[in-house]
């Protein structure tokens, strides 16, 4: 099993409060596949809806984070963060994917 980890930091390079954590073992034989969709709504005053997509794209794990105000009339994704693994996971072997998102 091959393990790849991506660390998410704020603009100053330091970790802040953890928002979400995902840990999965995947075995992909296709170059493209949807692995996870997580939609959650903040209970804070900012009332944000955040979306996390984890997918295999071109053989690599790709993680997309984005958020918007729950009260917005139009779907405006605002700032989007995309992370892509260096390891090709569509080789039929088992791979462990660990993702931790920080504020």
C-alpha atoms as a PDB file:
ATOM      1  CA  UNK A   1       0.000   0.000   0.000  1.00  0.00           C
ATOM      2  CA  UNK A   2       1.306   3.470  -0.903  1.00  0.00           C
ATOM      3  CA  UNK A   3       0.476   6.431   1.311  1.00  0.00           C
ATOM      4  CA  UNK A   4       0.326  10.068   0.274  1.00  0.00           C
ATOM      5  CA  UNK A   5      -0.537  12.933   2.603  1.00  0.00           C
ATOM      6  CA  UNK A   6      -1.301  16.552   1.784  1.00  0.00           C
ATOM      7  CA  UNK A   7      -1.123  19.144   4.533  1.00  0.00           C
ATOM      8  CA  UNK A   8      -3.259  22.276   4.339  1.00  0.00           C
ATOM      9  CA  UNK A   9      -1.959  25.464   5.937  1.00  0.00           C
ATOM     10  CA  UNK A  10      -3.132  29.067   6.137  1.00  0.00           C
ATOM     11  CA  UNK A  11      -1.398  31.929   4.261  1.00  0.00           C
ATOM     12  CA  UNK A  12       1.347  32.172   6.880  1.00  0.00           C
ATOM     13  CA  UNK A  13       2.092  28.439   6.543  1.00  0.00           C
ATOM     14  CA  UNK A  14       0.751  27.535   9.995  1.00  0.00           C
ATOM     15  CA  UNK A  15      -2.067  25.104  10.712  1.00  0.00           C
ATOM     16  CA  UNK A  16      -5.215  26.488  12.265  1.00  0.00           C
ATOM     17  CA  UNK A  17      -8.366  24.799  13.646  1.00  0.00           C
ATOM     18  CA  UNK A  18      -9.358  21.491  12.065  1.00  0.00           C
ATOM     19  CA  UNK A  19     -12.570  21.638  10.048  1.00  0.00           C
ATOM     20  CA  UNK A  20     -12.858  18.141   8.589  1.00  0.00           C
ATOM     21  CA  UNK A  21     -10.919  14.904   8.373  1.00  0.00           C
ATOM     22  CA  UNK A  22     -11.282  11.999   5.936  1.00  0.00           C
ATOM     23  CA  UNK A  23      -9.417   8.688   5.908  1.00  0.00           C
ATOM     24  CA  UNK A  24     -10.143   6.062   3.276  1.00  0.00           C
ATOM     25  CA  UNK A  25      -8.548   3.153   1.486  1.00  0.00           C
ATOM     26  CA  UNK A  26      -9.250   3.019  -2.244  1.00  0.00           C
ATOM     27  CA  UNK A  27      -8.582   0.631  -5.090  1.00  0.00           C
ATOM     28  CA  UNK A  28      -9.150   2.240  -8.471  1.00  0.00           C
ATOM     29  CA  UNK A  29      -8.801   0.643 -11.876  1.00  0.00           C
ATOM     30  CA  UNK A  30     -10.295   3.572 -13.822  1.00  0.00           C
ATOM     31  CA  UNK A  31      -8.661   6.970 -14.342  1.00  0.00           C
ATOM     32  CA  UNK A  32     -11.797   8.849 -13.247  1.00  0.00           C
ATOM     33  CA  UNK A  33     -14.104   8.130 -10.306  1.00  0.00           C
ATOM     34  CA  UNK A  34     -16.053   9.995  -7.639  1.00  0.00           C
ATOM     35  CA  UNK A  35     -14.981   8.832  -4.160  1.00  0.00           C
ATOM     36  CA  UNK A  36     -16.722  11.216  -1.743  1.00  0.00           C
ATOM     37  CA  UNK A  37     -19.051  14.221  -1.616  1.00  0.00           C
ATOM     38  CA  UNK A  38     -19.463  15.941   1.752  1.00  0.00           C
ATOM     39  CA  UNK A  39     -21.850  18.885   2.121  1.00  0.00           C
ATOM     40  CA  UNK A  40     -22.127  20.542   5.520  1.00  0.00           C
ATOM     41  CA  UNK A  41     -23.651  23.733   6.879  1.00  0.00           C
ATOM     42  CA  UNK A  42     -21.969  25.836   9.536  1.00  0.00           C
ATOM     43  CA  UNK A  43     -23.954  26.648  12.659  1.00  0.00           C
ATOM     44  CA  UNK A  44     -21.907  29.820  13.129  1.00  0.00           C
ATOM     45  CA  UNK A  45     -23.119  33.329  12.352  1.00  0.00           C
ATOM     46  CA  UNK A  46     -21.435  33.247   8.919  1.00  0.00           C
ATOM     47  CA  UNK A  47     -23.936  30.524   7.868  1.00  0.00           C
ATOM     48  CA  UNK A  48     -21.597  28.892   5.331  1.00  0.00           C
ATOM     49  CA  UNK A  49     -22.315  25.771   3.319  1.00  0.00           C
ATOM     50  CA  UNK A  50     -19.076  23.937   2.562  1.00  0.00           C
ATOM     51  CA  UNK A  51     -18.573  21.242  -0.051  1.00  0.00           C
ATOM     52  CA  UNK A  52     -15.737  18.740  -0.256  1.00  0.00           C
ATOM     53  CA  UNK A  53     -15.263  16.584  -3.356  1.00  0.00           C
ATOM     54  CA  UNK A  54     -12.779  13.710  -3.418  1.00  0.00           C
ATOM     55  CA  UNK A  55     -12.345  12.094  -6.803  1.00  0.00           C
ATOM     56  CA  UNK A  56      -9.881  10.285  -9.014  1.00  0.00           C
ATOM     57  CA  UNK A  57      -9.113  12.496 -12.012  1.00  0.00           C
ATOM     58  CA  UNK A  58      -6.634  11.335 -14.608  1.00  0.00           C
ATOM     59  CA  UNK A  59      -5.491   8.607 -12.219  1.00  0.00           C
ATOM     60  CA  UNK A  60      -4.674  10.983  -9.331  1.00  0.00           C
ATOM     61  CA  UNK A  61      -6.687  11.782  -6.211  1.00  0.00           C
ATOM     62  CA  UNK A  62      -8.052  15.302  -6.465  1.00  0.00           C
ATOM     63  CA  UNK A  63      -9.644  17.081  -3.497  1.00  0.00           C
ATOM     64  CA  UNK A  64     -11.742  20.217  -4.018  1.00  0.00           C
ATOM     65  CA  UNK A  65     -12.959  22.418  -1.158  1.00  0.00           C
ATOM     66  CA  UNK A  66     -15.323  25.344  -1.631  1.00  0.00           C
ATOM     67  CA  UNK A  67     -17.950  27.225   0.366  1.00  0.00           C
ATOM     68  CA  UNK A  68     -20.737  29.776  -0.026  1.00  0.00           C
ATOM     69  CA  UNK A  69     -23.254  31.616   2.143  1.00  0.00           C
ATOM     70  CA  UNK A  70     -26.353  29.496   2.713  1.00  0.00           C
ATOM     71  CA  UNK A  71     -28.516  32.575   2.081  1.00  0.00           C
ATOM     72  CA  UNK A  72     -26.967  33.409  -1.322  1.00  0.00           C
ATOM     73  CA  UNK A  73     -29.543  33.472  -4.106  1.00  0.00           C
ATOM     74  CA  UNK A  74     -27.047  32.375  -6.750  1.00  0.00           C
ATOM     75  CA  UNK A  75     -24.509  29.558  -6.432  1.00  0.00           C
ATOM     76  CA  UNK A  76     -21.242  31.500  -6.187  1.00  0.00           C
ATOM     77  CA  UNK A  77     -18.512  29.087  -5.133  1.00  0.00           C
ATOM     78  CA  UNK A  78     -16.195  31.917  -4.132  1.00  0.00           C
ATOM     79  CA  UNK A  79     -12.705  30.728  -3.308  1.00  0.00           C
ATOM     80  CA  UNK A  80     -11.983  27.154  -4.325  1.00  0.00           C
ATOM     81  CA  UNK A  81      -9.000  25.071  -3.228  1.00  0.00           C
ATOM     82  CA  UNK A  82      -7.901  22.065  -5.301  1.00  0.00           C
ATOM     83  CA  UNK A  83      -5.240  19.581  -4.162  1.00  0.00           C
ATOM     84  CA  UNK A  84      -3.882  16.825  -6.402  1.00  0.00           C
ATOM     85  CA  UNK A  85      -1.838  13.804  -5.352  1.00  0.00           C
ATOM     86  CA  UNK A  86       1.530  13.047  -6.915  1.00  0.00           C
ATOM     87  CA  UNK A  87       0.828   9.297  -6.756  1.00  0.00           C
ATOM     88  CA  UNK A  88      -1.198   7.617  -9.510  1.00  0.00           C
ATOM     89  CA  UNK A  89      -3.886   5.561  -7.768  1.00  0.00           C
ATOM     90  CA  UNK A  90      -5.596   3.954 -10.779  1.00  0.00           C
ATOM     91  CA  UNK A  91      -3.160   1.036 -10.902  1.00  0.00           C
ATOM     92  CA  UNK A  92      -5.419  -1.573  -9.261  1.00  0.00           C
ATOM     93  CA  UNK A  93      -3.425  -1.506  -5.989  1.00  0.00           C
ATOM     94  CA  UNK A  94      -4.806  -0.403  -2.619  1.00  0.00           C
ATOM     95  CA  UNK A  95      -3.967   3.175  -1.571  1.00  0.00           C
ATOM     96  CA  UNK A  96      -4.672   4.981   1.684  1.00  0.00           C
ATOM     97  CA  UNK A  97      -5.922   8.557   1.361  1.00  0.00           C
ATOM     98  CA  UNK A  98      -5.818  10.821   4.416  1.00  0.00           C
ATOM     99  CA  UNK A  99      -7.181  14.356   4.188  1.00  0.00           C
ATOM    100  CA  UNK A 100      -7.396  16.881   7.010  1.00  0.00           C
ATOM    101  CA  UNK A 101      -8.811  20.333   6.338  1.00  0.00           C
ATOM    102  CA  UNK A 102      -7.882  23.277   8.553  1.00  0.00           C
ATOM    103  CA  UNK A 103      -9.413  26.746   8.752  1.00  0.00           C
END
